């Protein structure tokens, strides 16, 4: 999967943490991932409803 450099840099900057031994804030990273998954799930529900109405 190719991620455009500007997108990669924006995400990396958002999750970076100097206080973490691995360089990222794991809690913040997980919150972002879970939030995005929730958005995807809600979109799928809307798509499924639209398809059923056809």
PDB file of N, CA and C in Angstrom:
ATOM      1  N   UNK A   1       0.846  -1.163   0.000  1.00  0.00           N
ATOM      2  CA  UNK A   1       0.000   0.000   0.000  1.00  0.00           C
ATOM      3  C   UNK A   1       0.898   1.234   0.000  1.00  0.00           C
ATOM      4  N   UNK A   2       0.709   2.078  -0.956  1.00  0.00           N
ATOM      5  CA  UNK A   2       1.466   3.317  -1.039  1.00  0.00           C
ATOM      6  C   UNK A   2       0.677   4.456  -0.373  1.00  0.00           C
ATOM      7  N   UNK A   3       1.314   5.141   0.520  1.00  0.00           N
ATOM      8  CA  UNK A   3       0.713   6.287   1.189  1.00  0.00           C
ATOM      9  C   UNK A   3       1.462   7.526   0.711  1.00  0.00           C
ATOM     10  N   UNK A   4       0.744   8.511   0.182  1.00  0.00           N
ATOM     11  CA  UNK A   4       1.426   9.730  -0.245  1.00  0.00           C
ATOM     12  C   UNK A   4       2.241  10.328   0.901  1.00  0.00           C
ATOM     13  N   UNK A   5       3.417  10.865   0.564  1.00  0.00           N
ATOM     14  CA  UNK A   5       4.335  11.379   1.590  1.00  0.00           C
ATOM     15  C   UNK A   5       3.689  12.428   2.487  1.00  0.00           C
ATOM     16  N   UNK A   6       2.894  13.323   1.918  1.00  0.00           N
ATOM     17  CA  UNK A   6       2.282  14.367   2.745  1.00  0.00           C
ATOM     18  C   UNK A   6       1.286  13.772   3.736  1.00  0.00           C
ATOM     19  N   UNK A   7       0.555  12.757   3.310  1.00  0.00           N
ATOM     20  CA  UNK A   7      -0.404  12.078   4.198  1.00  0.00           C
ATOM     21  C   UNK A   7       0.364  11.320   5.277  1.00  0.00           C
ATOM     22  N   UNK A   8       1.394  10.603   4.863  1.00  0.00           N
ATOM     23  CA  UNK A   8       2.231   9.853   5.801  1.00  0.00           C
ATOM     24  C   UNK A   8       2.811  10.792   6.866  1.00  0.00           C
ATOM     25  N   UNK A   9       3.382  11.903   6.418  1.00  0.00           N
ATOM     26  CA  UNK A   9       3.995  12.854   7.349  1.00  0.00           C
ATOM     27  C   UNK A   9       2.975  13.454   8.307  1.00  0.00           C
ATOM     28  N   UNK A  10       1.770  13.730   7.808  1.00  0.00           N
ATOM     29  CA  UNK A  10       0.726  14.290   8.665  1.00  0.00           C
ATOM     30  C   UNK A  10       0.314  13.291   9.742  1.00  0.00           C
ATOM     31  N   UNK A  11       0.133  12.041   9.344  1.00  0.00           N
ATOM     32  CA  UNK A  11      -0.261  11.005  10.317  1.00  0.00           C
ATOM     33  C   UNK A  11       0.871  10.764  11.308  1.00  0.00           C
ATOM     34  N   UNK A  12       2.086  10.645  10.797  1.00  0.00           N
ATOM     35  CA  UNK A  12       3.240  10.406  11.675  1.00  0.00           C
ATOM     36  C   UNK A  12       3.399  11.540  12.688  1.00  0.00           C
ATOM     37  N   UNK A  13       3.200  12.761  12.229  1.00  0.00           N
ATOM     38  CA  UNK A  13       3.290  13.899  13.140  1.00  0.00           C
ATOM     39  C   UNK A  13       2.206  13.885  14.202  1.00  0.00           C
ATOM     40  N   UNK A  14       1.047  13.407  13.825  1.00  0.00           N
ATOM     41  CA  UNK A  14      -0.096  13.368  14.752  1.00  0.00           C
ATOM     42  C   UNK A  14       0.100  12.334  15.859  1.00  0.00           C
ATOM     43  N   UNK A  15       0.718  11.200  15.538  1.00  0.00           N
ATOM     44  CA  UNK A  15       0.836  10.117  16.523  1.00  0.00           C
ATOM     45  C   UNK A  15       2.204  10.065  17.206  1.00  0.00           C
ATOM     46  N   UNK A  16       3.118  10.924  16.809  1.00  0.00           N
ATOM     47  CA  UNK A  16       4.463  10.909  17.383  1.00  0.00           C
ATOM     48  C   UNK A  16       4.451  11.248  18.868  1.00  0.00           C
ATOM     49  N   UNK A  17       5.373  10.624  19.579  1.00  0.00           N
ATOM     50  CA  UNK A  17       5.504  10.901  21.006  1.00  0.00           C
ATOM     51  C   UNK A  17       6.960  10.726  21.424  1.00  0.00           C
ATOM     52  N   UNK A  18       7.555  11.794  21.910  1.00  0.00           N
ATOM     53  CA  UNK A  18       8.938  11.726  22.389  1.00  0.00           C
ATOM     54  C   UNK A  18       9.035  10.946  23.700  1.00  0.00           C
ATOM     55  N   UNK A  19       7.902  10.804  24.391  1.00  0.00           N
ATOM     56  CA  UNK A  19       7.892  10.107  25.675  1.00  0.00           C
ATOM     57  C   UNK A  19       7.791   8.586  25.533  1.00  0.00           C
ATOM     58  N   UNK A  20       7.555   8.099  24.329  1.00  0.00           N
ATOM     59  CA  UNK A  20       7.366   6.671  24.119  1.00  0.00           C
ATOM     60  C   UNK A  20       8.659   6.024  23.617  1.00  0.00           C
ATOM     61  N   UNK A  21       8.971   4.835  24.119  1.00  0.00           N
ATOM     62  CA  UNK A  21      10.188   4.160  23.650  1.00  0.00           C
ATOM     63  C   UNK A  21      10.119   3.769  22.163  1.00  0.00           C
ATOM     64  N   UNK A  22       8.931   3.665  21.620  1.00  0.00           N
ATOM     65  CA  UNK A  22       8.792   3.314  20.199  1.00  0.00           C
ATOM     66  C   UNK A  22       8.505   4.531  19.330  1.00  0.00           C
ATOM     67  N   UNK A  23       8.390   5.696  19.936  1.00  0.00           N
ATOM     68  CA  UNK A  23       8.248   6.935  19.183  1.00  0.00           C
ATOM     69  C   UNK A  23       6.842   7.334  18.800  1.00  0.00           C
ATOM     70  N   UNK A  24       5.837   6.547  19.219  1.00  0.00           N
ATOM     71  CA  UNK A  24       4.455   6.925  18.941  1.00  0.00           C
ATOM     72  C   UNK A  24       3.621   6.806  20.207  1.00  0.00           C
ATOM     73  N   UNK A  25       2.525   7.531  20.221  1.00  0.00           N
ATOM     74  CA  UNK A  25       1.568   7.464  21.311  1.00  0.00           C
ATOM     75  C   UNK A  25       0.575   6.357  20.962  1.00  0.00           C
ATOM     76  N   UNK A  26       0.753   5.188  21.565  1.00  0.00           N
ATOM     77  CA  UNK A  26      -0.054   4.022  21.218  1.00  0.00           C
ATOM     78  C   UNK A  26      -1.541   4.251  21.478  1.00  0.00           C
ATOM     79  N   UNK A  27      -1.874   4.892  22.581  1.00  0.00           N
ATOM     80  CA  UNK A  27      -3.287   5.133  22.906  1.00  0.00           C
ATOM     81  C   UNK A  27      -3.920   6.030  21.850  1.00  0.00           C
ATOM     82  N   UNK A  28      -3.250   7.126  21.509  1.00  0.00           N
ATOM     83  CA  UNK A  28      -3.778   8.038  20.498  1.00  0.00           C
ATOM     84  C   UNK A  28      -3.905   7.333  19.153  1.00  0.00           C
ATOM     85  N   UNK A  29      -2.909   6.525  18.808  1.00  0.00           N
ATOM     86  CA  UNK A  29      -2.943   5.772  17.554  1.00  0.00           C
ATOM     87  C   UNK A  29      -4.155   4.857  17.501  1.00  0.00           C
ATOM     88  N   UNK A  30      -4.419   4.143  18.578  1.00  0.00           N
ATOM     89  CA  UNK A  30      -5.563   3.238  18.622  1.00  0.00           C
ATOM     90  C   UNK A  30      -6.884   4.002  18.556  1.00  0.00           C
ATOM     91  N   UNK A  31      -6.962   5.128  19.227  1.00  0.00           N
ATOM     92  CA  UNK A  31      -8.184   5.935  19.175  1.00  0.00           C
ATOM     93  C   UNK A  31      -8.451   6.390  17.743  1.00  0.00           C
ATOM     94  N   UNK A  32      -7.414   6.839  17.047  1.00  0.00           N
ATOM     95  CA  UNK A  32      -7.576   7.271  15.654  1.00  0.00           C
ATOM     96  C   UNK A  32      -8.051   6.109  14.790  1.00  0.00           C
ATOM     97  N   UNK A  33      -7.436   4.951  14.949  1.00  0.00           N
ATOM     98  CA  UNK A  33      -7.819   3.769  14.158  1.00  0.00           C
ATOM     99  C   UNK A  33      -9.262   3.376  14.453  1.00  0.00           C
ATOM    100  N   UNK A  34      -9.629   3.315  15.719  1.00  0.00           N
ATOM    101  CA  UNK A  34     -10.992   2.922  16.081  1.00  0.00           C
ATOM    102  C   UNK A  34     -12.020   3.935  15.581  1.00  0.00           C
ATOM    103  N   UNK A  35     -11.686   5.201  15.650  1.00  0.00           N
ATOM    104  CA  UNK A  35     -12.593   6.236  15.150  1.00  0.00           C
ATOM    105  C   UNK A  35     -12.814   6.062  13.653  1.00  0.00           C
ATOM    106  N   UNK A  36     -11.742   5.821  12.930  1.00  0.00           N
ATOM    107  CA  UNK A  36     -11.851   5.650  11.475  1.00  0.00           C
ATOM    108  C   UNK A  36     -12.646   4.379  11.142  1.00  0.00           C
ATOM    109  N   UNK A  37     -12.432   3.314  11.875  1.00  0.00           N
ATOM    110  CA  UNK A  37     -13.203   2.089  11.659  1.00  0.00           C
ATOM    111  C   UNK A  37     -14.691   2.328  11.907  1.00  0.00           C
ATOM    112  N   UNK A  38     -15.015   3.115  12.913  1.00  0.00           N
ATOM    113  CA  UNK A  38     -16.411   3.441  13.198  1.00  0.00           C
ATOM    114  C   UNK A  38     -17.013   4.224  12.033  1.00  0.00           C
ATOM    115  N   UNK A  39     -16.263   5.173  11.484  1.00  0.00           N
ATOM    116  CA  UNK A  39     -16.744   5.920  10.325  1.00  0.00           C
ATOM    117  C   UNK A  39     -16.996   4.996   9.137  1.00  0.00           C
ATOM    118  N   UNK A  40     -16.089   4.060   8.924  1.00  0.00           N
ATOM    119  CA  UNK A  40     -16.242   3.108   7.815  1.00  0.00           C
ATOM    120  C   UNK A  40     -17.470   2.240   8.038  1.00  0.00           C
ATOM    121  N   UNK A  41     -17.671   1.769   9.256  1.00  0.00           N
ATOM    122  CA  UNK A  41     -18.835   0.942   9.570  1.00  0.00           C
ATOM    123  C   UNK A  41     -20.135   1.712   9.312  1.00  0.00           C
ATOM    124  N   UNK A  42     -20.182   2.971   9.748  1.00  0.00           N
ATOM    125  CA  UNK A  42     -21.379   3.779   9.526  1.00  0.00           C
ATOM    126  C   UNK A  42     -21.630   3.981   8.030  1.00  0.00           C
ATOM    127  N   UNK A  43     -20.578   4.164   7.275  1.00  0.00           N
ATOM    128  CA  UNK A  43     -20.730   4.327   5.825  1.00  0.00           C
ATOM    129  C   UNK A  43     -21.258   3.038   5.190  1.00  0.00           C
ATOM    130  N   UNK A  44     -20.746   1.905   5.624  1.00  0.00           N
ATOM    131  CA  UNK A  44     -21.223   0.624   5.095  1.00  0.00           C
ATOM    132  C   UNK A  44     -22.711   0.420   5.387  1.00  0.00           C
ATOM    133  N   UNK A  45     -23.133   0.802   6.578  1.00  0.00           N
ATOM    134  CA  UNK A  45     -24.549   0.684   6.933  1.00  0.00           C
ATOM    135  C   UNK A  45     -25.396   1.530   5.984  1.00  0.00           C
ATOM    136  N   UNK A  46     -24.954   2.758   5.719  1.00  0.00           N
ATOM    137  CA  UNK A  46     -25.702   3.624   4.792  1.00  0.00           C
ATOM    138  C   UNK A  46     -25.731   3.029   3.386  1.00  0.00           C
ATOM    139  N   UNK A  47     -24.629   2.473   2.950  1.00  0.00           N
ATOM    140  CA  UNK A  47     -24.574   1.849   1.616  1.00  0.00           C
ATOM    141  C   UNK A  47     -25.506   0.651   1.542  1.00  0.00           C
ATOM    142  N   UNK A  48     -25.487  -0.180   2.572  1.00  0.00           N
ATOM    143  CA  UNK A  48     -26.342  -1.366   2.603  1.00  0.00           C
ATOM    144  C   UNK A  48     -27.821  -0.970   2.577  1.00  0.00           C
ATOM    145  N   UNK A  49     -28.179   0.058   3.342  1.00  0.00           N
ATOM    146  CA  UNK A  49     -29.562   0.529   3.338  1.00  0.00           C
ATOM    147  C   UNK A  49     -29.962   1.020   1.960  1.00  0.00           C
ATOM    148  N   UNK A  50     -29.092   1.776   1.324  1.00  0.00           N
ATOM    149  CA  UNK A  50     -29.381   2.291  -0.015  1.00  0.00           C
ATOM    150  C   UNK A  50     -29.550   1.158  -1.015  1.00  0.00           C
ATOM    151  N   UNK A  51     -28.755   0.142  -0.897  1.00  0.00           N
ATOM    152  CA  UNK A  51     -28.862  -0.998  -1.810  1.00  0.00           C
ATOM    153  C   UNK A  51     -30.157  -1.774  -1.603  1.00  0.00           C
ATOM    154  N   UNK A  52     -30.582  -1.882  -0.353  1.00  0.00           N
ATOM    155  CA  UNK A  52     -31.828  -2.595  -0.054  1.00  0.00           C
ATOM    156  C   UNK A  52     -33.048  -1.841  -0.609  1.00  0.00           C
ATOM    157  N   UNK A  53     -32.945  -0.515  -0.667  1.00  0.00           N
ATOM    158  CA  UNK A  53     -34.055   0.291  -1.155  1.00  0.00           C
ATOM    159  C   UNK A  53     -34.211   0.248  -2.682  1.00  0.00           C
ATOM    160  N   UNK A  54     -33.246  -0.287  -3.359  1.00  0.00           N
ATOM    161  CA  UNK A  54     -33.296  -0.354  -4.825  1.00  0.00           C
ATOM    162  C   UNK A  54     -34.228  -1.407  -5.300  1.00  0.00           C
TER     163      UNK A  54
END
